[in-house]
Amino acid sequence: MPKPDLAVYSATKAYTTALTEALWAAHRADGVRVLASCPGVTRTECQPHEDVPPALVRTPEQVVAAALRALRRGTGPTAVPGAADRLFVLAARLLPRRRTPALFAQQDAKARRRCGWLP
């Protein structure tokens, strides 16, 4: 999803997801498993999570565990842990493309200030 002021970051994530989906489709019959882990808010120093309901915040360990489960299951090329996060992804896909950057603008500014990227 596009993030204001983080065009390269957003493009890289989109590219990685598309590449993962293509590799998954091309090689799944060969038994090769490819996975893009797409977690929501993860508890790190550079990602503000104080304003996020605790049920939506995952630890890095939880993100890894969910990715490993998804790899073992082999059900698809992407793993979005948590029903609420999957619902958010679905809602963002249904919104007009021009609306999605606004969803991220405020949260991204907080993260960049917290990490010292903005004054």
C-alpha atoms as a PDB file:
ATOM      1  CA  MET A   1       0.000   0.000   0.000  1.00  0.00           C
ATOM      2  CA  PRO A   2       1.435   3.388  -0.898  1.00  0.00           C
ATOM      3  CA  LYS A   3       2.848   5.426   1.978  1.00  0.00           C
ATOM      4  CA  PRO A   4       3.213   9.189   1.708  1.00  0.00           C
ATOM      5  CA  ASP A   5       6.833  10.381   1.726  1.00  0.00           C
ATOM      6  CA  LEU A   6       8.039   6.782   1.503  1.00  0.00           C
ATOM      7  CA  ALA A   7       7.652   6.155  -2.218  1.00  0.00           C
ATOM      8  CA  VAL A   8      10.759   3.983  -2.591  1.00  0.00           C
ATOM      9  CA  TYR A   9       9.851   1.949   0.498  1.00  0.00           C
ATOM     10  CA  SER A  10       6.298   1.432  -0.775  1.00  0.00           C
ATOM     11  CA  ALA A  11       7.482   0.518  -4.267  1.00  0.00           C
ATOM     12  CA  THR A  12      10.004  -1.953  -2.847  1.00  0.00           C
ATOM     13  CA  LYS A  13       7.306  -3.677  -0.782  1.00  0.00           C
ATOM     14  CA  ALA A  14       4.980  -3.836  -3.795  1.00  0.00           C
ATOM     15  CA  TYR A  15       7.779  -5.247  -5.954  1.00  0.00           C
ATOM     16  CA  THR A  16       8.719  -7.825  -3.321  1.00  0.00           C
ATOM     17  CA  THR A  17       5.121  -8.980  -2.996  1.00  0.00           C
ATOM     18  CA  ALA A  18       4.669  -9.228  -6.776  1.00  0.00           C
ATOM     19  CA  LEU A  19       7.975 -11.081  -7.176  1.00  0.00           C
ATOM     20  CA  THR A  20       7.050 -13.492  -4.385  1.00  0.00           C
ATOM     21  CA  GLU A  21       3.655 -14.190  -5.963  1.00  0.00           C
ATOM     22  CA  ALA A  22       5.253 -14.822  -9.367  1.00  0.00           C
ATOM     23  CA  LEU A  23       7.932 -17.132  -7.932  1.00  0.00           C
ATOM     24  CA  TRP A  24       5.328 -18.992  -5.891  1.00  0.00           C
ATOM     25  CA  ALA A  25       3.161 -19.586  -8.963  1.00  0.00           C
ATOM     26  CA  ALA A  26       6.119 -20.584 -11.132  1.00  0.00           C
ATOM     27  CA  HIS A  27       7.678 -23.057  -8.694  1.00  0.00           C
ATOM     28  CA  ARG A  28       4.991 -24.460  -6.406  1.00  0.00           C
ATOM     29  CA  ALA A  29       4.589 -27.567  -8.558  1.00  0.00           C
ATOM     30  CA  ASP A  30       8.312 -28.207  -7.986  1.00  0.00           C
ATOM     31  CA  GLY A  31       7.833 -28.174  -4.212  1.00  0.00           C
ATOM     32  CA  VAL A  32       9.614 -24.842  -3.775  1.00  0.00           C
ATOM     33  CA  ARG A  33       7.964 -22.680  -1.142  1.00  0.00           C
ATOM     34  CA  VAL A  34       8.167 -18.908  -1.406  1.00  0.00           C
ATOM     35  CA  LEU A  35       6.564 -16.565   1.110  1.00  0.00           C
ATOM     36  CA  ALA A  36       6.229 -12.834   1.675  1.00  0.00           C
ATOM     37  CA  SER A  37       5.512 -12.052   5.314  1.00  0.00           C
ATOM     38  CA  CYS A  38       3.212  -9.012   5.481  1.00  0.00           C
ATOM     39  CA  PRO A  39       2.596  -8.307   9.157  1.00  0.00           C
ATOM     40  CA  GLY A  40       0.722  -5.319  10.441  1.00  0.00           C
ATOM     41  CA  VAL A  41       2.054  -3.280  13.339  1.00  0.00           C
ATOM     42  CA  THR A  42       5.087  -4.968  14.856  1.00  0.00           C
ATOM     43  CA  ARG A  43       6.504  -3.877  18.208  1.00  0.00           C
ATOM     44  CA  THR A  44       9.833  -2.269  17.311  1.00  0.00           C
ATOM     45  CA  GLU A  45      11.599   0.942  18.277  1.00  0.00           C
ATOM     46  CA  CYS A  46      10.809   2.605  14.948  1.00  0.00           C
ATOM     47  CA  GLN A  47       7.171   1.648  14.647  1.00  0.00           C
ATOM     48  CA  PRO A  48       4.806   3.529  16.944  1.00  0.00           C
ATOM     49  CA  HIS A  49       2.247   1.268  18.469  1.00  0.00           C
ATOM     50  CA  GLU A  50       1.032   3.194  21.511  1.00  0.00           C
ATOM     51  CA  ASP A  51      -2.109   4.361  19.688  1.00  0.00           C
ATOM     52  CA  VAL A  52      -2.864   0.929  18.252  1.00  0.00           C
ATOM     53  CA  PRO A  53      -5.161  -1.504  20.092  1.00  0.00           C
ATOM     54  CA  PRO A  54      -2.912  -4.109  21.764  1.00  0.00           C
ATOM     55  CA  ALA A  55      -4.674  -6.963  19.943  1.00  0.00           C
ATOM     56  CA  LEU A  56      -3.337  -5.551  16.634  1.00  0.00           C
ATOM     57  CA  VAL A  57       0.318  -5.291  17.718  1.00  0.00           C
ATOM     58  CA  ARG A  58       2.625  -8.280  17.290  1.00  0.00           C
ATOM     59  CA  THR A  59       6.078  -8.981  18.602  1.00  0.00           C
ATOM     60  CA  PRO A  60       8.819  -9.899  16.131  1.00  0.00           C
ATOM     61  CA  GLU A  61       8.671 -13.441  17.532  1.00  0.00           C
ATOM     62  CA  GLN A  62       4.950 -13.677  16.749  1.00  0.00           C
ATOM     63  CA  VAL A  63       5.557 -12.448  13.213  1.00  0.00           C
ATOM     64  CA  VAL A  64       8.240 -15.089  12.656  1.00  0.00           C
ATOM     65  CA  ALA A  65       6.059 -17.843  14.137  1.00  0.00           C
ATOM     66  CA  ALA A  66       3.177 -16.874  11.827  1.00  0.00           C
ATOM     67  CA  ALA A  67       5.480 -16.852   8.796  1.00  0.00           C
ATOM     68  CA  LEU A  68       6.873 -20.283   9.644  1.00  0.00           C
ATOM     69  CA  ARG A  69       3.330 -21.665  10.075  1.00  0.00           C
ATOM     70  CA  ALA A  70       2.361 -20.226   6.686  1.00  0.00           C
ATOM     71  CA  LEU A  71       5.438 -21.765   5.079  1.00  0.00           C
ATOM     72  CA  ARG A  72       4.645 -25.185   6.562  1.00  0.00           C
ATOM     73  CA  ARG A  73       1.046 -24.983   5.341  1.00  0.00           C
ATOM     74  CA  GLY A  74       2.092 -23.811   1.899  1.00  0.00           C
ATOM     75  CA  THR A  75      -1.307 -22.276   1.229  1.00  0.00           C
ATOM     76  CA  GLY A  76      -0.196 -19.159  -0.599  1.00  0.00           C
ATOM     77  CA  PRO A  77       2.549 -16.701  -1.407  1.00  0.00           C
ATOM     78  CA  THR A  78       1.755 -14.159   1.311  1.00  0.00           C
ATOM     79  CA  ALA A  79       1.197 -14.351   5.048  1.00  0.00           C
ATOM     80  CA  VAL A  80      -0.802 -11.652   6.798  1.00  0.00           C
ATOM     81  CA  PRO A  81      -1.045 -12.721  10.427  1.00  0.00           C
ATOM     82  CA  GLY A  82      -4.232 -11.875  12.293  1.00  0.00           C
ATOM     83  CA  ALA A  83      -7.816 -11.647  11.147  1.00  0.00           C
ATOM     84  CA  ALA A  84      -7.974  -7.895  11.797  1.00  0.00           C
ATOM     85  CA  ASP A  85      -4.920  -7.276   9.608  1.00  0.00           C
ATOM     86  CA  ARG A  86      -6.358  -9.439   6.818  1.00  0.00           C
ATOM     87  CA  LEU A  87      -9.596  -7.463   7.036  1.00  0.00           C
ATOM     88  CA  PHE A  88      -7.627  -4.202   6.827  1.00  0.00           C
ATOM     89  CA  VAL A  89      -5.794  -5.439   3.716  1.00  0.00           C
ATOM     90  CA  LEU A  90      -9.112  -6.391   2.117  1.00  0.00           C
ATOM     91  CA  ALA A  91     -10.638  -3.007   2.961  1.00  0.00           C
ATOM     92  CA  ALA A  92      -7.608  -1.181   1.539  1.00  0.00           C
ATOM     93  CA  ARG A  93      -7.911  -3.183  -1.685  1.00  0.00           C
ATOM     94  CA  LEU A  94     -11.557  -2.208  -1.996  1.00  0.00           C
ATOM     95  CA  LEU A  95     -10.926   1.512  -1.488  1.00  0.00           C
ATOM     96  CA  PRO A  96     -10.103   3.708  -4.462  1.00  0.00           C
ATOM     97  CA  ARG A  97      -6.308   3.767  -4.925  1.00  0.00           C
ATOM     98  CA  ARG A  98      -6.174   7.515  -4.379  1.00  0.00           C
ATOM     99  CA  ARG A  99      -7.604   7.113  -0.852  1.00  0.00           C
ATOM    100  CA  THR A 100      -5.149   4.601   0.595  1.00  0.00           C
ATOM    101  CA  PRO A 101      -2.164   6.985   1.040  1.00  0.00           C
ATOM    102  CA  ALA A 102      -4.263   9.136   3.383  1.00  0.00           C
ATOM    103  CA  LEU A 103      -4.733   6.135   5.657  1.00  0.00           C
ATOM    104  CA  PHE A 104      -1.012   6.003   6.315  1.00  0.00           C
ATOM    105  CA  ALA A 105       0.045   9.662   6.337  1.00  0.00           C
ATOM    106  CA  GLN A 106      -0.425  10.399  10.042  1.00  0.00           C
ATOM    107  CA  GLN A 107       0.989   7.094  11.309  1.00  0.00           C
ATOM    108  CA  ASP A 108       4.045   7.344   9.071  1.00  0.00           C
ATOM    109  CA  ALA A 109       4.851  10.882  10.260  1.00  0.00           C
ATOM    110  CA  LYS A 110       4.809   9.631  13.872  1.00  0.00           C
ATOM    111  CA  ALA A 111       7.181   6.790  12.995  1.00  0.00           C
ATOM    112  CA  ARG A 112       9.627   9.044  11.186  1.00  0.00           C
ATOM    113  CA  ARG A 113       9.727  11.515  14.097  1.00  0.00           C
ATOM    114  CA  ARG A 114      10.221   8.709  16.606  1.00  0.00           C
ATOM    115  CA  CYS A 115      13.163   7.328  14.645  1.00  0.00           C
ATOM    116  CA  GLY A 116      14.684  10.757  14.134  1.00  0.00           C
ATOM    117  CA  TRP A 117      13.923  10.916  10.412  1.00  0.00           C
ATOM    118  CA  LEU A 118      11.838  14.086  10.844  1.00  0.00           C
ATOM    119  CA  PRO A 119      12.247  17.011  13.262  1.00  0.00           C
END
